[in-house]
Amino acid sequence: MHRPMCGCCPPTSVPHLMALLFDFIAQCVHQFLTGISSSQHRLPLGFVFPFSCRQTRLDKAELISWSKGFSCSDVEGKDVVQLLQSAINKQELYHVDVVALMNDTVGTMMTCSMGGKPCEVALVIDAGTNSCFMAEAQQVEMAEETSGRMCVNTEWGYFGDDGTLSDVLTPYDQWLDQESSNPGEKRFEKLVGSLYLGEIVRHVLTALAAEKALFIGSSVTVLRTKDVLKTQQVLEIINNEEGMDKARRALEALGLHPSEQDCCRVQQVCRVVVSRAAALCAAGLAAILSHICQSRELEQLVVNVGVDGELYQGYTRFREILQSVTGLLAPECMATLLPSVDRTGWGAAVATAVALRLAAHRREVDQLLAPLRLSRADLERVQALMRREMELGLGRESNAKSSVRMLPTYVCSTPDGTERGEFLALDLGGTNFRVLVVRVALDGIHMASEIYVIPTAIMQGTGEALFDHIIECIMDFQLKQDLMEQVLPLGFTFSFPCQQLGLDKAVLLSWTKGFSASGCVGKDVVQLLREAAQRKQHLGLKVVAVVNDTVGTMMSCGYDDPKCEIGLIVGTGTNACYMEEMQNVGTVEGDQGRMCINMEWGAFGDNGCLDNIFTDFDRLVDEKTINVGKQRFEKLISGMYLGEIVRHILLALVEKQLLFRGKPCPKLQTRDIFQTKFLSTIEIDGLALQQVQAILQNLELQASFEDSMLVREVCQTVSLRAAQLCAAGLAAVVEKMRENRGLAQLAITVGVDGTLYKMHPCFSQHLQQMLRDLAPNCTVTFLPSEDGSGKGAALVAAVACHGAEPQGEPPSTQ
């Protein structure tokens, strides 16, 4: 570690070429290492560089301007780390790496953070003055990093250069500034820094002598000479016990003949000037503390402040004023001032050690998360695989080989806005189901609905009991709505995997979502509903269409936007549907027009084609599901699984001592404890890390600031992958539709529903951005669905009744 100072360089190096300065520093490093007989093992070097720099990384800093007598040419605007590293390499010290650069203020903060006392603010009050503090990274607009905290070097010596301190500046300050080597610059530093306090006192004494208030009968010409009174003398004079004597000696050394009263007044002037410097430092410190308290949304801030410099370290009165005025101006902040021992040595060593620790930590985290970070090539490969599976699924002979079922829905057109009438809709997709009456009129769609519960005993009982219960609820709803005397067309949203054989005929392939009613799998669910109506003697039931929620979403949005020909669900599960050319649908007879294809893309990859995308975390999640090896794509994307993926990653990080200090986390061992809704909350832009800590605290996870940052990064990585994979699948769909229609550019709307898409703060944005990248020839608009599973089913019924007859029949088996 090394710090360039005027006294350590030969006289020619300061005003000369930049090479001389950095070569000299490198030579000093070489001599030092030779003197201690250092080994050739890699030596990380921390560089304390107490000049204004624009720092973009810990090891990259461009010099803004020299100060303190330095004026080496051709350095301003250059990376001083690179200049030093090049000079060190010329000394053939190839094992010495400059890994961290900081100024002395940051060094002070790092030094005072040792010994179990974290320090987040530092002041240097010396010949010059400066401060630094740990700011919320999202508030540092010049930095690319937006999470966590970052040390900000305020360079507060420049405070007031824009005129904001005009009311504070006295004539004495103005005279000092005019005589300085940089008039108009570093106005705050010239009020506070020890380099200037002696000069301020000299100007005050000169003015008082001119007013005949001091040194009556003595010649005061000497007081017009710059720097005749040193700050060191001023600080000695303010001492209560020996101050008067020090004042007399200093004044007599200037050829003055002070009286007792003169010495007393000089002491008062010195105290006022030093007290003002301390109070101004306190005002700056109070502003920083209040900012930290507000940005972290705290009622009270408890913080350690590292302080160094001649003024603070050497003079009790200065320390007392700094502490008391800070407390007065920022009463909501409890600041403990910690004196620094050796800011230029320890601080550099600590920062260097921290840099190495963070770099090693970063490498391990990146290595663990790397399999979840998909490249553009990875996503293009997924897109191509989805396209291949789609083609296989559409083929009559190849359908069985595809993991994407590509099920015909017999919905052959979307709404055109001319549909009218009153329809019933039944929405069955979970433990609750709804019955709706939907009125499609000239002025829009009007709905009334009621939610009914399906008891677990019925969900897992017999099929007859389940469908009898559904019919009873429909009858109850019709009775309440005074619809018992009417026979209304009914659209049935049935959100379970089915093979559809007609618009009103769908064979259940398997139960999901906790249902296991017997006697249903392999049966036509519409027929099961009709048989239940007969058992209940409810003759006014006319089921005209059965659809899943994805098709319902497309139809619902299609009523508002005629360009909507794709439906997408990204919620607890995921699926997509789209309008395919009939000539491409080999599983249905007929070549004219289009038909909506229910892709059932959640099963994409069940045949092993996505194995290289699956990570160990995904496999751990899959192994604990009720359908191991099934719905592989869905388990990478949907809300039911993302929280579990995050939980397994967090456990791996704990095991590698990268999270929660490696301490066991029993609560984290509990399956489903980390819910997907936590991802949505944790990733909210601008959410303070204290709130992330609060979420983790509720899970009995004692998270540090750094832990919270890492948990957020894991959540972001998992949700980003989900959005990008969804985009890759959708890119395959829109590109196929564009090619089907022979278009150079396709404009299409996607009707979309699902809590993950709607509630996650970043999912939709990431999905849309990646889709633009993967399908640049398609302009895709996303239209969020409002009640697709209810309104959509009614609109399928409305379209059917409007005269849109199915244009295909199941192929002959003969």
Foldseek 3Di string as FASTA:
>chain_A
DDEDDPVQAPPQQQAEAVLRRLLSVLVVVVVVCVVVVDDLAAAEFFYAYAADWDDQDQQWTAGCDDDPRGHHPPRHRHTVSVSNVVSNVVVVSVSYHHQGYHHLQLLLQLQVCPDVAHFFKEWEAAQFIWIKGWAQQCVVVVYPDRHFTDIDTPVCLFPCLVPPCVVVDDVLLQVQLVPDPHRSGSSLRCLAHQNNLQSSLLSVVVVCVVVVNWQVPWDPPLSVDPPLGHSVLLQCLLDPPCNLVSQCVSQVVSVTHGDSVRSVVSNVSSVVSNLSNLLSVLVVVLVVQVVRCVLQVHQAAEHEYEYYYDSCPPHPVSVVSSQVNNCVSNVRYHYHYDYGDDSRPNSSVSVSVVSVVVVVLVVVLCVLLVLLFDDLVRLLLLLVLLLVLLLQLLAPVRNVVHLWNFAFQLLFAADPQPFFDKAWEWFDDAQKIKIKIWGQDNVGIDMDMDIDGHDLCQLAEALLSVLLVVLVVNVVVCVVVVNLVAQHEYFYADAADWHAQHFQWTAGCDDDHSGHHPPRHRHTVSVSNVVSCVVVVRPSYHYDGYHHLQLLLQNQVCSVPVQRFKGWEAAQFIWMKGWDQQCSRNQWDDGHGTTITTGLCLFHCLSPPCVSSDDPLLQVQLVPDPDRSGSSLRCLAHQNHLQSSLLVSQVVCLCVCSALSNDDQVLSVDPCSRGSVLLQVLQPRSDNLVVLCVVVVVSVRRGDSVNSSSSNVSSVSSLLSNLSSVLSSVLSVVVVVCVSVVHQAAEHEYRYEYCSCVRRPCSVVSNVVNNCVSNVRYHYHYDYGDCSSGNSSRSSSSVCVVPPGRRTGGDDPD
